[in-house]
């Protein structure tokens, strides 16, 4: 069974060769996990915004390449042309999503070292602690610029933990400020096509 929300600290996980992801299309009415095991399932999840948000797309792309490497393992190593062809399909799903292409390219660099190296590089991206320091720095800059009053903040789209796998970027900074009692109000823009800001950020 796919773990429940409290059992997993991240919105994207690697479980025995499967990508396990929060289905962002269903929130907040339903908290559902997807178990992605095929290339087509991953492509659909990215294309339909079940997985969305720049950092999350990068991690999903990397994990997709890891799955491809496992699928294309050979007696002598790995079928590199097959993995590269599947990686290209993943990156092409959202051609304007820079993080998706970066995540794919980053783990492809490990392909000559073998399947295990690709998988390790992809899984390591899940655990990277980039969001929280960036959010703390942004919060510190806002405190410095506005030291003497409660804050009314505007954020666009959704940049929280679902979009970033972990803490959140812009929304992470708001979380940091709220924890120190500095936030009076947050305005969240809607964002098309799935109203991510109004639906996810407000929730």
N, C-alpha and C. Protein backbone atom coordinates (compact mmCIF):
# COMPACT_ATOMS: atom_id res chain seq x y z
N UNK A 1 0.84 -1.20 0.00
CA UNK A 1 0.00 0.00 0.00
C UNK A 1 0.87 1.25 0.00
N UNK A 2 0.35 2.31 -0.63
CA UNK A 2 1.07 3.58 -0.64
C UNK A 2 0.92 4.23 0.72
N UNK A 3 2.01 4.71 1.31
CA UNK A 3 1.93 5.29 2.66
C UNK A 3 1.01 6.50 2.70
N UNK A 4 0.45 6.76 3.88
CA UNK A 4 -0.38 7.94 4.08
C UNK A 4 0.47 9.19 4.21
N UNK A 5 -0.20 10.32 4.33
CA UNK A 5 0.49 11.60 4.33
C UNK A 5 1.50 11.71 5.46
N UNK A 6 1.14 11.30 6.65
CA UNK A 6 2.04 11.48 7.79
C UNK A 6 3.20 10.50 7.75
N UNK A 7 3.07 9.43 6.98
CA UNK A 7 4.14 8.44 6.92
C UNK A 7 5.29 8.89 6.04
N UNK A 8 5.05 9.89 5.19
CA UNK A 8 6.08 10.34 4.27
C UNK A 8 6.30 11.83 4.44
N UNK A 9 7.56 12.22 4.61
CA UNK A 9 7.85 13.62 4.86
C UNK A 9 8.01 14.42 3.58
N UNK A 10 8.05 13.77 2.44
CA UNK A 10 8.27 14.47 1.18
C UNK A 10 7.18 14.12 0.18
N UNK A 11 6.89 15.07 -0.70
CA UNK A 11 5.80 14.87 -1.65
C UNK A 11 6.18 13.97 -2.83
N UNK A 12 7.47 13.66 -2.95
CA UNK A 12 7.97 12.70 -3.94
C UNK A 12 8.91 11.76 -3.23
N UNK A 13 8.75 10.46 -3.47
CA UNK A 13 9.61 9.47 -2.83
C UNK A 13 9.97 8.37 -3.83
N UNK A 14 10.98 7.61 -3.48
CA UNK A 14 11.43 6.45 -4.25
C UNK A 14 11.17 5.24 -3.39
N UNK A 15 10.32 4.34 -3.86
CA UNK A 15 9.96 3.15 -3.08
C UNK A 15 10.12 1.90 -3.94
N UNK A 16 11.22 1.17 -3.73
CA UNK A 16 11.44 -0.09 -4.44
C UNK A 16 11.30 0.06 -5.95
N UNK A 17 11.90 1.10 -6.49
CA UNK A 17 11.89 1.31 -7.93
C UNK A 17 10.68 2.06 -8.46
N UNK A 18 9.76 2.42 -7.57
CA UNK A 18 8.58 3.19 -7.98
C UNK A 18 8.71 4.63 -7.50
N UNK A 19 8.18 5.55 -8.29
CA UNK A 19 8.07 6.94 -7.88
C UNK A 19 6.71 7.08 -7.20
N UNK A 20 6.72 7.52 -5.96
CA UNK A 20 5.49 7.71 -5.21
C UNK A 20 5.33 9.22 -5.03
N UNK A 21 4.20 9.75 -5.53
CA UNK A 21 4.02 11.20 -5.57
C UNK A 21 2.61 11.59 -5.14
N UNK A 22 2.50 12.72 -4.47
CA UNK A 22 1.20 13.29 -4.18
C UNK A 22 0.57 13.72 -5.50
N UNK A 23 -0.68 13.36 -5.69
CA UNK A 23 -1.42 13.79 -6.88
C UNK A 23 -1.95 15.19 -6.62
N UNK A 24 -1.24 16.21 -7.15
CA UNK A 24 -1.59 17.59 -6.85
C UNK A 24 -2.90 18.03 -7.50
N UNK A 25 -3.39 17.26 -8.45
CA UNK A 25 -4.67 17.60 -9.10
C UNK A 25 -5.84 17.41 -8.15
N UNK A 26 -5.69 16.55 -7.16
CA UNK A 26 -6.81 16.17 -6.30
C UNK A 26 -6.93 17.02 -5.04
N UNK A 27 -5.86 17.73 -4.68
CA UNK A 27 -5.87 18.51 -3.45
C UNK A 27 -6.75 19.76 -3.59
N UNK A 28 -7.35 20.24 -2.53
CA UNK A 28 -7.34 19.69 -1.17
C UNK A 28 -8.48 18.72 -0.88
N UNK A 29 -9.33 18.45 -1.85
CA UNK A 29 -10.49 17.58 -1.60
C UNK A 29 -10.06 16.18 -1.23
N UNK A 30 -8.98 15.71 -1.84
CA UNK A 30 -8.53 14.34 -1.59
C UNK A 30 -7.01 14.31 -1.59
N UNK A 31 -6.45 13.61 -0.62
CA UNK A 31 -4.99 13.46 -0.54
C UNK A 31 -4.65 12.05 -1.03
N UNK A 32 -4.27 11.97 -2.30
CA UNK A 32 -4.04 10.68 -2.94
C UNK A 32 -2.57 10.58 -3.38
N UNK A 33 -2.02 9.39 -3.22
CA UNK A 33 -0.65 9.13 -3.68
C UNK A 33 -0.71 8.33 -4.98
N UNK A 34 0.14 8.71 -5.91
CA UNK A 34 0.32 7.95 -7.15
C UNK A 34 1.54 7.05 -7.01
N UNK A 35 1.42 5.85 -7.54
CA UNK A 35 2.58 4.95 -7.60
C UNK A 35 2.92 4.79 -9.08
N UNK A 36 4.03 5.39 -9.49
CA UNK A 36 4.41 5.46 -10.90
C UNK A 36 5.52 4.47 -11.16
N UNK A 37 5.26 3.54 -12.09
CA UNK A 37 6.24 2.50 -12.37
C UNK A 37 6.65 2.44 -13.84
N UNK A 38 5.96 3.16 -14.70
CA UNK A 38 6.27 3.11 -16.13
C UNK A 38 6.57 4.50 -16.67
N UNK A 39 7.22 4.53 -17.81
CA UNK A 39 7.52 5.80 -18.47
C UNK A 39 6.24 6.54 -18.82
N UNK A 40 5.26 5.83 -19.35
CA UNK A 40 4.00 6.48 -19.74
C UNK A 40 3.27 7.08 -18.55
N UNK A 41 3.30 6.40 -17.41
CA UNK A 41 2.66 6.93 -16.21
C UNK A 41 3.34 8.22 -15.75
N UNK A 42 4.67 8.25 -15.83
CA UNK A 42 5.39 9.45 -15.43
C UNK A 42 5.09 10.61 -16.38
N UNK A 43 5.12 10.33 -17.66
CA UNK A 43 4.81 11.37 -18.66
C UNK A 43 3.41 11.93 -18.42
N UNK A 44 2.44 11.07 -18.16
CA UNK A 44 1.08 11.54 -17.91
C UNK A 44 1.01 12.39 -16.64
N UNK A 45 1.70 11.95 -15.59
CA UNK A 45 1.66 12.68 -14.32
C UNK A 45 2.24 14.08 -14.48
N UNK A 46 3.31 14.21 -15.25
CA UNK A 46 3.91 15.53 -15.47
C UNK A 46 3.03 16.36 -16.39
N UNK A 47 2.54 15.74 -17.45
CA UNK A 47 1.75 16.46 -18.45
C UNK A 47 0.44 17.00 -17.89
N UNK A 48 -0.19 16.26 -16.98
CA UNK A 48 -1.48 16.66 -16.43
C UNK A 48 -1.36 17.43 -15.11
N UNK A 49 -0.12 17.74 -14.70
CA UNK A 49 0.17 18.52 -13.50
C UNK A 49 -0.14 17.78 -12.20
N UNK A 50 -0.19 16.46 -12.25
CA UNK A 50 -0.25 15.70 -11.00
C UNK A 50 1.04 15.94 -10.22
N UNK A 51 2.16 16.03 -10.97
CA UNK A 51 3.44 16.47 -10.42
C UNK A 51 3.73 17.81 -11.07
N UNK A 52 3.92 18.85 -10.26
CA UNK A 52 4.20 20.17 -10.80
C UNK A 52 5.04 20.94 -9.78
N UNK A 53 5.57 22.06 -10.23
CA UNK A 53 6.47 22.85 -9.40
C UNK A 53 7.89 22.57 -9.83
N UNK A 54 8.67 23.62 -10.04
CA UNK A 54 9.99 23.47 -10.65
C UNK A 54 10.89 22.45 -9.95
N UNK A 55 11.15 22.57 -8.64
CA UNK A 55 12.03 21.58 -8.00
C UNK A 55 11.47 20.16 -8.06
N UNK A 56 10.15 20.02 -7.87
CA UNK A 56 9.55 18.69 -7.92
C UNK A 56 9.69 18.07 -9.30
N UNK A 57 9.55 18.88 -10.35
CA UNK A 57 9.73 18.36 -11.70
C UNK A 57 11.16 17.88 -11.92
N UNK A 58 12.13 18.61 -11.39
CA UNK A 58 13.52 18.18 -11.53
C UNK A 58 13.76 16.83 -10.88
N UNK A 59 13.22 16.65 -9.68
CA UNK A 59 13.39 15.37 -8.98
C UNK A 59 12.64 14.26 -9.72
N UNK A 60 11.42 14.54 -10.17
CA UNK A 60 10.65 13.52 -10.90
C UNK A 60 11.36 13.10 -12.17
N UNK A 61 11.93 14.07 -12.89
CA UNK A 61 12.68 13.74 -14.10
C UNK A 61 13.88 12.85 -13.80
N UNK A 62 14.60 13.18 -12.74
CA UNK A 62 15.76 12.38 -12.35
C UNK A 62 15.35 10.96 -11.97
N UNK A 63 14.27 10.84 -11.22
CA UNK A 63 13.80 9.51 -10.82
C UNK A 63 13.30 8.72 -12.03
N UNK A 64 12.72 9.42 -13.01
CA UNK A 64 12.31 8.75 -14.24
C UNK A 64 13.48 8.17 -14.99
N UNK A 65 14.60 8.88 -15.01
CA UNK A 65 15.81 8.35 -15.65
C UNK A 65 16.33 7.14 -14.87
N UNK A 66 16.23 7.20 -13.54
CA UNK A 66 16.64 6.04 -12.73
C UNK A 66 15.80 4.82 -13.07
N UNK A 67 14.49 5.01 -13.21
CA UNK A 67 13.63 3.90 -13.61
C UNK A 67 14.03 3.36 -14.98
N UNK A 68 14.33 4.26 -15.90
CA UNK A 68 14.74 3.85 -17.24
C UNK A 68 16.02 3.02 -17.19
N UNK A 69 16.97 3.45 -16.38
CA UNK A 69 18.23 2.71 -16.25
C UNK A 69 17.97 1.30 -15.72
N UNK A 70 17.08 1.19 -14.74
CA UNK A 70 16.74 -0.13 -14.21
C UNK A 70 16.05 -1.00 -15.26
N UNK A 71 15.14 -0.40 -16.03
CA UNK A 71 14.44 -1.15 -17.08
C UNK A 71 15.39 -1.63 -18.17
N UNK A 72 16.41 -0.83 -18.43
CA UNK A 72 17.32 -1.11 -19.55
C UNK A 72 18.66 -1.66 -19.11
N UNK A 73 18.68 -2.28 -17.94
CA UNK A 73 19.89 -2.94 -17.47
C UNK A 73 20.16 -4.15 -18.37
N UNK A 74 21.41 -4.37 -18.70
CA UNK A 74 21.81 -5.50 -19.51
C UNK A 74 22.84 -6.34 -18.76
N UNK A 75 23.18 -7.48 -19.34
CA UNK A 75 24.19 -8.34 -18.72
C UNK A 75 25.53 -7.63 -18.64
N UNK A 76 25.77 -6.71 -19.56
CA UNK A 76 27.05 -5.99 -19.61
C UNK A 76 27.00 -4.61 -18.98
N UNK A 77 25.86 -4.21 -18.46
CA UNK A 77 25.74 -2.88 -17.87
C UNK A 77 24.37 -2.27 -18.11
N UNK A 78 24.30 -1.36 -19.09
CA UNK A 78 23.04 -0.68 -19.36
C UNK A 78 22.99 -0.30 -20.84
N UNK A 79 21.80 -0.35 -21.40
CA UNK A 79 21.58 0.05 -22.79
C UNK A 79 21.48 1.59 -22.81
N UNK A 80 22.62 2.25 -22.98
CA UNK A 80 22.66 3.71 -22.89
C UNK A 80 21.78 4.40 -23.92
N UNK A 81 21.77 3.99 -25.19
CA UNK A 81 20.89 4.67 -26.15
C UNK A 81 19.41 4.60 -25.76
N UNK A 82 18.99 3.48 -25.20
CA UNK A 82 17.59 3.34 -24.78
C UNK A 82 17.27 4.29 -23.63
N UNK A 83 18.18 4.39 -22.66
CA UNK A 83 17.97 5.29 -21.53
C UNK A 83 17.95 6.74 -22.00
N UNK A 84 18.85 7.09 -22.87
CA UNK A 84 18.91 8.47 -23.37
C UNK A 84 17.65 8.83 -24.16
N UNK A 85 17.13 7.88 -24.91
CA UNK A 85 15.90 8.13 -25.67
C UNK A 85 14.72 8.35 -24.72
N UNK A 86 14.62 7.55 -23.67
CA UNK A 86 13.53 7.71 -22.71
C UNK A 86 13.71 9.01 -21.92
N UNK A 87 14.95 9.35 -21.59
CA UNK A 87 15.23 10.59 -20.87
C UNK A 87 14.80 11.80 -21.71
N UNK A 88 15.03 11.72 -23.00
CA UNK A 88 14.63 12.81 -23.90
C UNK A 88 13.11 12.97 -23.91
N UNK A 89 12.40 11.85 -23.88
CA UNK A 89 10.93 11.91 -23.83
C UNK A 89 10.45 12.57 -22.53
N UNK A 90 11.10 12.26 -21.42
CA UNK A 90 10.72 12.86 -20.14
C UNK A 90 10.94 14.37 -20.19
N UNK A 91 12.11 14.79 -20.62
CA UNK A 91 12.44 16.22 -20.65
C UNK A 91 11.52 16.99 -21.58
N UNK A 92 11.02 16.33 -22.62
CA UNK A 92 10.20 17.01 -23.62
C UNK A 92 8.75 17.21 -23.19
N UNK A 93 8.33 16.58 -22.09
CA UNK A 93 6.94 16.70 -21.66
C UNK A 93 6.58 18.15 -21.35
N UNK A 94 7.48 18.84 -20.64
CA UNK A 94 7.26 20.25 -20.31
C UNK A 94 8.51 21.01 -20.76
N UNK A 95 8.59 21.36 -22.03
CA UNK A 95 9.84 21.94 -22.57
C UNK A 95 10.24 23.27 -21.94
N UNK A 96 9.30 23.99 -21.33
CA UNK A 96 9.65 25.25 -20.69
C UNK A 96 10.05 25.07 -19.23
N UNK A 97 9.94 23.86 -18.71
CA UNK A 97 10.28 23.59 -17.31
C UNK A 97 11.78 23.31 -17.22
N UNK A 98 12.54 24.35 -16.90
CA UNK A 98 14.00 24.24 -16.89
C UNK A 98 14.47 23.18 -15.91
N UNK A 99 13.85 23.12 -14.73
CA UNK A 99 14.28 22.15 -13.72
C UNK A 99 14.10 20.71 -14.18
N UNK A 100 13.07 20.45 -14.97
CA UNK A 100 12.84 19.10 -15.47
C UNK A 100 14.02 18.65 -16.32
N UNK A 101 14.41 19.49 -17.27
CA UNK A 101 15.54 19.15 -18.14
C UNK A 101 16.83 19.06 -17.34
N UNK A 102 17.00 19.92 -16.36
CA UNK A 102 18.22 19.89 -15.53
C UNK A 102 18.31 18.61 -14.72
N UNK A 103 17.18 18.19 -14.13
CA UNK A 103 17.19 16.97 -13.34
C UNK A 103 17.52 15.76 -14.20
N UNK A 104 16.94 15.70 -15.39
CA UNK A 104 17.22 14.61 -16.33
C UNK A 104 18.69 14.62 -16.72
N UNK A 105 19.20 15.78 -17.11
CA UNK A 105 20.59 15.89 -17.56
C UNK A 105 21.58 15.55 -16.45
N UNK A 106 21.25 15.98 -15.25
CA UNK A 106 22.16 15.76 -14.12
C UNK A 106 22.42 14.28 -13.87
N UNK A 107 21.36 13.48 -13.87
CA UNK A 107 21.58 12.06 -13.59
C UNK A 107 22.10 11.31 -14.82
N UNK A 108 21.81 11.81 -16.00
CA UNK A 108 22.38 11.19 -17.20
C UNK A 108 23.90 11.25 -17.20
N UNK A 109 24.47 12.24 -16.54
CA UNK A 109 25.93 12.32 -16.44
C UNK A 109 26.52 11.10 -15.74
N UNK A 110 25.72 10.44 -14.92
CA UNK A 110 26.20 9.26 -14.18
C UNK A 110 26.01 7.96 -14.96
N UNK A 111 25.37 8.04 -16.11
CA UNK A 111 25.05 6.83 -16.88
C UNK A 111 26.28 5.99 -17.22
N UNK A 112 27.40 6.58 -17.64
CA UNK A 112 28.57 5.75 -17.93
C UNK A 112 29.08 4.95 -16.72
N UNK A 113 28.74 5.40 -15.53
CA UNK A 113 29.16 4.70 -14.31
C UNK A 113 28.25 3.54 -13.96
N UNK A 114 27.12 3.39 -14.67
CA UNK A 114 26.26 2.24 -14.45
C UNK A 114 24.93 2.58 -13.79
N UNK A 115 24.08 1.57 -13.74
CA UNK A 115 22.71 1.73 -13.25
C UNK A 115 22.69 2.20 -11.80
N UNK A 116 23.48 1.59 -10.94
CA UNK A 116 23.44 1.95 -9.53
C UNK A 116 23.84 3.40 -9.31
N UNK A 117 24.77 3.89 -10.11
CA UNK A 117 25.21 5.28 -9.99
C UNK A 117 24.09 6.24 -10.39
N UNK A 118 23.34 5.87 -11.41
CA UNK A 118 22.21 6.71 -11.85
C UNK A 118 21.14 6.75 -10.77
N UNK A 119 20.80 5.59 -10.24
CA UNK A 119 19.77 5.52 -9.19
C UNK A 119 20.21 6.32 -7.96
N UNK A 120 21.46 6.16 -7.55
CA UNK A 120 21.95 6.88 -6.37
C UNK A 120 21.89 8.39 -6.57
N UNK A 121 22.27 8.84 -7.76
CA UNK A 121 22.25 10.28 -8.04
C UNK A 121 20.82 10.83 -8.01
N UNK A 122 19.88 10.06 -8.55
CA UNK A 122 18.48 10.51 -8.57
C UNK A 122 17.90 10.54 -7.16
N UNK A 123 18.12 9.48 -6.40
CA UNK A 123 17.57 9.41 -5.04
C UNK A 123 18.18 10.50 -4.16
N UNK A 124 19.45 10.82 -4.38
CA UNK A 124 20.10 11.86 -3.59
C UNK A 124 19.42 13.22 -3.77
N UNK A 125 18.83 13.44 -4.93
CA UNK A 125 18.15 14.73 -5.18
C UNK A 125 16.93 14.91 -4.27
N UNK A 126 16.32 13.81 -3.85
CA UNK A 126 15.16 13.91 -2.96
C UNK A 126 15.56 14.53 -1.63
N UNK A 127 16.74 14.20 -1.18
CA UNK A 127 17.18 14.60 0.16
C UNK A 127 17.95 15.91 0.21
N UNK A 128 18.14 16.56 -0.92
CA UNK A 128 18.91 17.80 -0.92
C UNK A 128 18.21 18.86 -0.09
N UNK A 129 18.98 19.55 0.72
CA UNK A 129 18.44 20.56 1.64
C UNK A 129 18.66 21.96 1.07
N UNK A 130 18.01 22.25 -0.04
CA UNK A 130 18.19 23.55 -0.70
C UNK A 130 17.06 24.51 -0.32
N UNK A 131 15.84 24.02 -0.25
CA UNK A 131 14.68 24.87 0.02
C UNK A 131 14.79 25.65 1.32
N UNK A 132 15.07 24.97 2.40
CA UNK A 132 15.02 25.60 3.73
C UNK A 132 16.03 26.73 3.87
N UNK A 133 17.31 26.54 3.51
CA UNK A 133 18.25 27.66 3.59
C UNK A 133 17.84 28.84 2.70
N UNK A 134 17.31 28.56 1.51
CA UNK A 134 16.87 29.64 0.62
C UNK A 134 15.70 30.39 1.24
N UNK A 135 14.77 29.66 1.85
CA UNK A 135 13.62 30.29 2.49
C UNK A 135 14.05 31.14 3.68
N UNK A 136 14.99 30.63 4.46
CA UNK A 136 15.48 31.40 5.61
C UNK A 136 16.17 32.68 5.17
N UNK A 137 16.95 32.59 4.10
CA UNK A 137 17.64 33.77 3.58
C UNK A 137 16.63 34.80 3.07
N UNK A 138 15.63 34.34 2.34
CA UNK A 138 14.60 35.26 1.84
C UNK A 138 13.85 35.91 3.00
N UNK A 139 13.51 35.14 4.02
CA UNK A 139 12.82 35.70 5.18
C UNK A 139 13.69 36.74 5.88
N UNK A 140 14.98 36.47 5.98
CA UNK A 140 15.89 37.43 6.62
C UNK A 140 15.96 38.73 5.82
N UNK A 141 15.98 38.63 4.50
CA UNK A 141 16.00 39.83 3.66
C UNK A 141 14.72 40.65 3.82
N UNK A 142 13.59 39.96 3.93
CA UNK A 142 12.32 40.67 4.12
C UNK A 142 12.29 41.34 5.49
N UNK A 143 12.77 40.65 6.52
CA UNK A 143 12.82 41.26 7.86
C UNK A 143 13.70 42.50 7.85
N UNK A 144 14.80 42.43 7.13
CA UNK A 144 15.73 43.56 7.05
C UNK A 144 15.08 44.75 6.33
N UNK A 145 14.34 44.47 5.26
CA UNK A 145 13.71 45.53 4.49
C UNK A 145 12.49 46.12 5.21
N UNK A 146 11.81 45.33 6.01
CA UNK A 146 10.58 45.77 6.70
C UNK A 146 10.66 45.35 8.17
N UNK A 147 11.53 46.01 8.94
CA UNK A 147 11.78 45.52 10.30
C UNK A 147 10.72 45.90 11.32
N UNK A 148 9.84 46.85 11.01
CA UNK A 148 9.05 47.48 12.06
C UNK A 148 7.55 47.32 11.93
N UNK A 149 7.08 46.34 11.15
CA UNK A 149 5.62 46.24 11.00
C UNK A 149 5.22 44.82 10.61
N UNK A 150 3.96 44.46 10.91
CA UNK A 150 3.44 43.18 10.41
C UNK A 150 3.39 43.22 8.88
N UNK A 151 3.52 42.09 8.27
CA UNK A 151 3.66 42.02 6.82
C UNK A 151 2.39 41.55 6.13
N UNK A 152 2.09 42.19 5.02
CA UNK A 152 1.06 41.72 4.10
C UNK A 152 1.82 41.25 2.87
N UNK A 153 1.75 39.97 2.57
CA UNK A 153 2.57 39.37 1.53
C UNK A 153 1.72 38.84 0.38
N UNK A 154 2.24 38.99 -0.83
CA UNK A 154 1.59 38.45 -2.02
C UNK A 154 2.49 37.36 -2.60
N UNK A 155 1.91 36.20 -2.84
CA UNK A 155 2.66 35.11 -3.49
C UNK A 155 1.85 34.60 -4.67
N UNK A 156 2.56 34.11 -5.65
CA UNK A 156 1.92 33.71 -6.90
C UNK A 156 2.08 32.21 -7.09
N UNK A 157 1.06 31.58 -7.63
CA UNK A 157 1.08 30.13 -7.90
C UNK A 157 1.23 29.37 -6.59
N UNK A 158 1.92 28.25 -6.60
CA UNK A 158 2.17 27.47 -5.39
C UNK A 158 3.62 27.07 -5.35
N UNK A 159 4.31 27.49 -4.31
CA UNK A 159 5.74 27.22 -4.17
C UNK A 159 6.03 26.53 -2.84
N UNK A 160 5.07 25.78 -2.37
CA UNK A 160 5.22 25.09 -1.09
C UNK A 160 5.83 23.71 -1.24
N UNK A 161 5.61 22.88 -0.24
CA UNK A 161 6.29 21.58 -0.19
C UNK A 161 5.85 20.64 -1.32
N UNK A 162 4.63 20.75 -1.81
CA UNK A 162 4.21 19.89 -2.91
C UNK A 162 4.98 20.23 -4.19
N UNK A 163 5.24 21.50 -4.38
CA UNK A 163 5.93 21.94 -5.60
C UNK A 163 7.44 21.78 -5.52
N UNK A 164 7.96 21.61 -4.31
CA UNK A 164 9.42 21.62 -4.14
C UNK A 164 9.96 20.35 -3.48
N UNK A 165 9.10 19.41 -3.19
CA UNK A 165 9.42 18.13 -2.53
C UNK A 165 9.60 18.29 -1.03
N UNK A 166 10.13 19.43 -0.61
CA UNK A 166 10.43 19.58 0.82
C UNK A 166 9.75 20.80 1.42
N UNK A 167 10.49 21.78 1.88
CA UNK A 167 9.98 22.88 2.68
C UNK A 167 9.20 23.92 1.89
N UNK A 168 9.68 24.25 0.73
CA UNK A 168 9.08 25.31 -0.07
C UNK A 168 10.05 26.45 -0.29
N UNK A 169 9.86 27.20 -1.37
CA UNK A 169 10.75 28.32 -1.69
C UNK A 169 10.10 29.63 -1.25
N UNK A 170 9.36 30.30 -2.11
CA UNK A 170 8.70 31.54 -1.69
C UNK A 170 7.72 31.28 -0.55
N UNK A 171 6.94 30.22 -0.65
CA UNK A 171 6.01 29.89 0.43
C UNK A 171 6.79 29.44 1.67
N UNK A 172 7.96 28.86 1.47
CA UNK A 172 8.82 28.52 2.60
C UNK A 172 9.26 29.75 3.37
N UNK A 173 9.56 30.84 2.65
CA UNK A 173 9.92 32.10 3.31
C UNK A 173 8.74 32.64 4.12
N UNK A 174 7.55 32.52 3.56
CA UNK A 174 6.35 32.96 4.29
C UNK A 174 6.16 32.11 5.55
N UNK A 175 6.42 30.82 5.44
CA UNK A 175 6.31 29.95 6.61
C UNK A 175 7.31 30.38 7.70
N UNK A 176 8.53 30.71 7.28
CA UNK A 176 9.55 31.17 8.23
C UNK A 176 9.10 32.46 8.93
N UNK A 177 8.57 33.40 8.15
CA UNK A 177 8.10 34.67 8.72
C UNK A 177 6.91 34.45 9.63
N UNK A 178 5.99 33.58 9.25
CA UNK A 178 4.82 33.31 10.08
C UNK A 178 5.22 32.69 11.41
N UNK A 179 6.23 31.84 11.39
CA UNK A 179 6.68 31.19 12.62
C UNK A 179 7.23 32.20 13.63
N UNK A 180 7.73 33.34 13.12
CA UNK A 180 8.24 34.37 14.02
C UNK A 180 7.22 35.48 14.27
N UNK A 181 5.96 35.24 13.88
CA UNK A 181 4.89 36.18 14.17
C UNK A 181 4.88 37.45 13.35
N UNK A 182 5.52 37.41 12.18
CA UNK A 182 5.64 38.63 11.38
C UNK A 182 4.56 38.79 10.31
N UNK A 183 3.72 37.78 10.09
CA UNK A 183 2.77 37.83 8.98
C UNK A 183 1.37 38.21 9.46
N UNK A 184 0.85 39.30 8.87
CA UNK A 184 -0.52 39.71 9.16
C UNK A 184 -1.49 39.11 8.16
N UNK A 185 -1.05 38.99 6.90
CA UNK A 185 -1.95 38.54 5.84
C UNK A 185 -1.12 38.02 4.67
N UNK A 186 -1.64 36.99 4.00
CA UNK A 186 -1.02 36.47 2.78
C UNK A 186 -2.07 36.46 1.68
N UNK A 187 -1.73 37.04 0.55
CA UNK A 187 -2.60 37.03 -0.62
C UNK A 187 -2.01 36.03 -1.61
N UNK A 188 -2.83 35.10 -2.08
CA UNK A 188 -2.36 34.05 -2.99
C UNK A 188 -3.06 34.18 -4.33
N UNK A 189 -2.28 34.39 -5.39
CA UNK A 189 -2.86 34.46 -6.74
C UNK A 189 -3.27 33.08 -7.21
N UNK A 190 -4.21 33.01 -8.15
CA UNK A 190 -4.81 31.73 -8.51
C UNK A 190 -3.90 30.84 -9.36
N UNK A 191 -3.47 31.27 -10.52
CA UNK A 191 -2.66 30.54 -11.49
C UNK A 191 -3.46 29.52 -12.28
N UNK A 192 -3.37 29.62 -13.60
CA UNK A 192 -4.02 28.65 -14.49
C UNK A 192 -3.03 27.55 -14.86
N UNK A 193 -3.45 26.35 -15.27
CA UNK A 193 -4.84 26.00 -15.55
C UNK A 193 -5.59 25.37 -14.38
N UNK A 194 -4.90 25.04 -13.30
CA UNK A 194 -5.55 24.30 -12.22
C UNK A 194 -5.73 25.12 -10.95
N UNK A 195 -5.64 26.43 -11.06
CA UNK A 195 -5.83 27.31 -9.91
C UNK A 195 -4.90 26.94 -8.74
N UNK A 196 -3.64 26.65 -9.08
CA UNK A 196 -2.73 26.15 -8.05
C UNK A 196 -2.59 27.08 -6.86
N UNK A 197 -2.50 28.40 -7.12
CA UNK A 197 -2.33 29.32 -6.01
C UNK A 197 -3.54 29.36 -5.10
N UNK A 198 -4.71 29.58 -5.69
CA UNK A 198 -5.92 29.66 -4.88
C UNK A 198 -6.23 28.33 -4.21
N UNK A 199 -5.96 27.24 -4.91
CA UNK A 199 -6.35 25.92 -4.40
C UNK A 199 -5.31 25.35 -3.43
N UNK A 200 -4.05 25.37 -3.81
CA UNK A 200 -3.02 24.73 -3.00
C UNK A 200 -2.42 25.66 -1.96
N UNK A 201 -2.05 26.87 -2.36
CA UNK A 201 -1.41 27.78 -1.42
C UNK A 201 -2.37 28.21 -0.32
N UNK A 202 -3.59 28.55 -0.68
CA UNK A 202 -4.56 28.95 0.34
C UNK A 202 -4.83 27.81 1.32
N UNK A 203 -4.92 26.60 0.78
CA UNK A 203 -5.15 25.44 1.64
C UNK A 203 -3.97 25.23 2.58
